[in-house]
Amino acid sequence: MAASTSNTPDDGAETGQGAPGAAPGAGTDAETGPGTGTEDGGRSGGASGAVERARLTAWVRGQVQGVGFRWFTRACALRIGGLVGFALNLGDGRVQVVAEGARADCEELLEWLRTGDTPGRVDGVTEIWDEPRGGYDGFAIR
């Protein structure tokens, strides 16, 4: 149908998100084509043009158990959209939150954990960032 030399705006539209921001002809050659796993990270445009995927693990300290904190965390993740992971009560009184998705969405969740209208009382949040591992189906309360 479309030759590999075509630079029409529809090139790469079937690769999913962000095709309008892709470089002309992106997604049409063997190195960046569909199915290679580089549709998001291989785009030109620098950090502001690419969708960076991340894994956030956060440990929330304070009065965060027995107050609905995990439920509200899940609700916030679902409101943000595009996040998968879980919220888990730990034996030492903290809540562990693991979220995978677009880094900007993970950062929004982290900001809510730190300063949002959370139930209970948050005394502090410690986080680490990593590459997504996958394996989650939705956002769960554990």
Protein backbone atom coordinates (compact mmCIF):
# COMPACT_ATOMS: atom_id res chain seq x y z
CA MET A 1 0.00 0.00 0.00
CA ALA A 2 2.28 2.82 1.19
CA ALA A 3 5.84 2.69 -0.06
CA SER A 4 8.66 3.00 2.44
CA THR A 5 9.51 6.39 0.92
CA SER A 6 6.06 7.81 1.76
CA ASN A 7 6.05 10.57 4.35
CA THR A 8 2.31 11.00 4.67
CA PRO A 9 0.91 12.04 8.06
CA ASP A 10 -0.68 8.61 8.42
CA ASP A 11 2.67 6.75 8.45
CA GLY A 12 3.00 4.90 11.73
CA ALA A 13 -0.55 5.69 12.84
CA GLU A 14 -1.13 2.01 13.50
CA THR A 15 1.77 1.91 15.96
CA GLY A 16 -0.42 3.56 18.57
CA GLN A 17 0.18 6.55 20.77
CA GLY A 18 2.11 9.54 19.67
CA ALA A 19 2.23 8.95 15.94
CA PRO A 20 1.53 12.66 15.22
CA GLY A 21 4.77 13.57 17.05
CA ALA A 22 6.85 11.01 15.16
CA ALA A 23 9.44 12.06 12.65
CA PRO A 24 8.32 11.86 9.00
CA GLY A 25 8.46 8.25 7.88
CA ALA A 26 8.93 6.95 11.45
CA GLY A 27 7.70 3.41 11.90
CA THR A 28 8.22 2.45 8.27
CA ASP A 29 11.70 0.93 8.26
CA ALA A 30 12.93 -2.33 9.73
CA GLU A 31 14.64 -0.73 12.76
CA THR A 32 11.70 1.27 14.11
CA GLY A 33 8.73 -0.54 12.62
CA PRO A 34 5.81 -1.98 14.52
CA GLY A 35 6.61 -4.93 16.75
CA THR A 36 10.21 -3.93 17.45
CA GLY A 37 9.43 -2.40 20.84
CA THR A 38 10.79 1.01 19.86
CA GLU A 39 7.57 2.77 18.90
CA ASP A 40 7.65 5.02 21.99
CA GLY A 41 11.31 5.22 22.99
CA GLY A 42 12.78 5.41 19.50
CA ARG A 43 11.07 8.61 18.42
CA SER A 44 12.95 11.79 17.78
CA GLY A 45 12.08 14.96 19.64
CA GLY A 46 14.07 14.61 22.85
CA ALA A 47 12.66 13.95 26.29
CA SER A 48 9.66 16.21 25.79
CA GLY A 49 8.53 14.45 22.60
CA ALA A 50 8.94 10.82 23.66
CA VAL A 51 6.77 8.87 26.08
CA GLU A 52 9.18 7.54 28.69
CA ARG A 53 7.87 4.49 30.54
CA ALA A 54 8.89 3.95 34.14
CA ARG A 55 8.36 1.92 37.29
CA LEU A 56 7.82 3.85 40.51
CA THR A 57 8.16 2.11 43.86
CA ALA A 58 7.21 4.35 46.77
CA TRP A 59 7.11 3.70 50.50
CA VAL A 60 4.70 5.98 52.35
CA ARG A 61 5.28 6.60 56.09
CA GLY A 62 2.82 7.99 58.61
CA GLN A 63 -0.71 7.10 59.64
CA VAL A 64 -1.54 5.37 56.35
CA GLN A 65 -3.01 2.01 57.39
CA GLY A 66 -6.60 1.49 58.44
CA VAL A 67 -7.71 4.82 56.92
CA GLY A 68 -8.50 3.86 53.30
CA PHE A 69 -5.13 4.99 51.99
CA ARG A 70 -4.69 2.05 49.57
CA TRP A 71 -8.21 2.50 48.19
CA PHE A 72 -7.65 6.22 47.57
CA THR A 73 -4.26 5.49 46.01
CA ARG A 74 -5.89 3.06 43.58
CA ALA A 75 -8.62 5.62 42.81
CA CYS A 76 -5.98 8.27 42.09
CA ALA A 77 -4.05 5.89 39.81
CA LEU A 78 -7.25 5.08 37.90
CA ARG A 79 -8.11 8.79 37.63
CA ILE A 80 -4.67 9.53 36.19
CA GLY A 81 -5.15 6.61 33.79
CA GLY A 82 -2.59 4.39 32.10
CA LEU A 83 -1.04 3.17 35.36
CA VAL A 84 -0.83 -0.44 36.49
CA GLY A 85 0.53 -1.79 39.76
CA PHE A 86 -0.60 -2.10 43.36
CA ALA A 87 -0.77 -0.63 46.87
CA LEU A 88 0.23 -2.92 49.76
CA ASN A 89 0.19 -2.57 53.56
CA LEU A 90 3.57 -3.48 55.06
CA GLY A 91 4.12 -5.01 58.48
CA ASP A 92 5.97 -1.92 59.76
CA GLY A 93 3.02 0.43 59.19
CA ARG A 94 4.07 1.81 55.81
CA VAL A 95 2.24 1.42 52.49
CA GLN A 96 4.21 0.32 49.45
CA VAL A 97 2.99 1.64 46.10
CA VAL A 98 4.25 0.21 42.81
CA ALA A 99 3.11 1.93 39.62
CA GLU A 100 4.15 1.41 36.01
CA GLY A 101 3.23 3.57 33.05
CA ALA A 102 4.26 6.84 31.47
CA ARG A 103 6.84 8.53 33.70
CA ALA A 104 4.77 11.72 33.79
CA ASP A 105 1.78 9.73 35.10
CA CYS A 106 3.95 8.04 37.74
CA GLU A 107 5.26 11.46 38.78
CA GLU A 108 1.70 12.75 39.11
CA LEU A 109 0.85 9.83 41.41
CA LEU A 110 4.00 10.45 43.46
CA GLU A 111 3.09 14.13 43.82
CA TRP A 112 -0.38 13.11 45.06
CA LEU A 113 1.17 10.69 47.56
CA ARG A 114 3.33 13.53 48.92
CA THR A 115 1.02 16.52 48.87
CA GLY A 116 -2.45 15.40 47.82
CA ASP A 117 -5.61 15.13 49.82
CA THR A 118 -4.75 11.68 51.12
CA PRO A 119 -6.57 9.97 53.98
CA GLY A 120 -4.67 9.61 57.23
CA ARG A 121 -1.38 11.45 57.63
CA VAL A 122 1.67 11.21 55.40
CA ASP A 123 4.93 11.90 57.20
CA GLY A 124 7.20 11.09 54.27
CA VAL A 125 7.59 9.25 50.98
CA THR A 126 10.69 7.46 49.74
CA GLU A 127 10.80 6.42 46.10
CA ILE A 128 12.98 4.58 43.63
CA TRP A 129 12.69 4.53 39.85
CA ASP A 130 13.36 1.60 37.55
CA GLU A 131 12.51 0.14 34.17
CA PRO A 132 8.99 -1.32 33.93
CA ARG A 133 8.84 -5.07 34.55
CA GLY A 134 5.28 -5.68 33.41
CA GLY A 135 3.01 -8.45 34.62
CA TYR A 136 0.30 -6.24 36.15
CA ASP A 137 -3.31 -6.21 35.05
CA GLY A 138 -4.82 -3.00 36.33
CA PHE A 139 -4.11 -1.35 39.66
CA ALA A 140 -4.73 -3.63 42.66
CA ILE A 141 -5.10 -3.30 46.40
CA ARG A 142 -3.08 -6.03 48.09
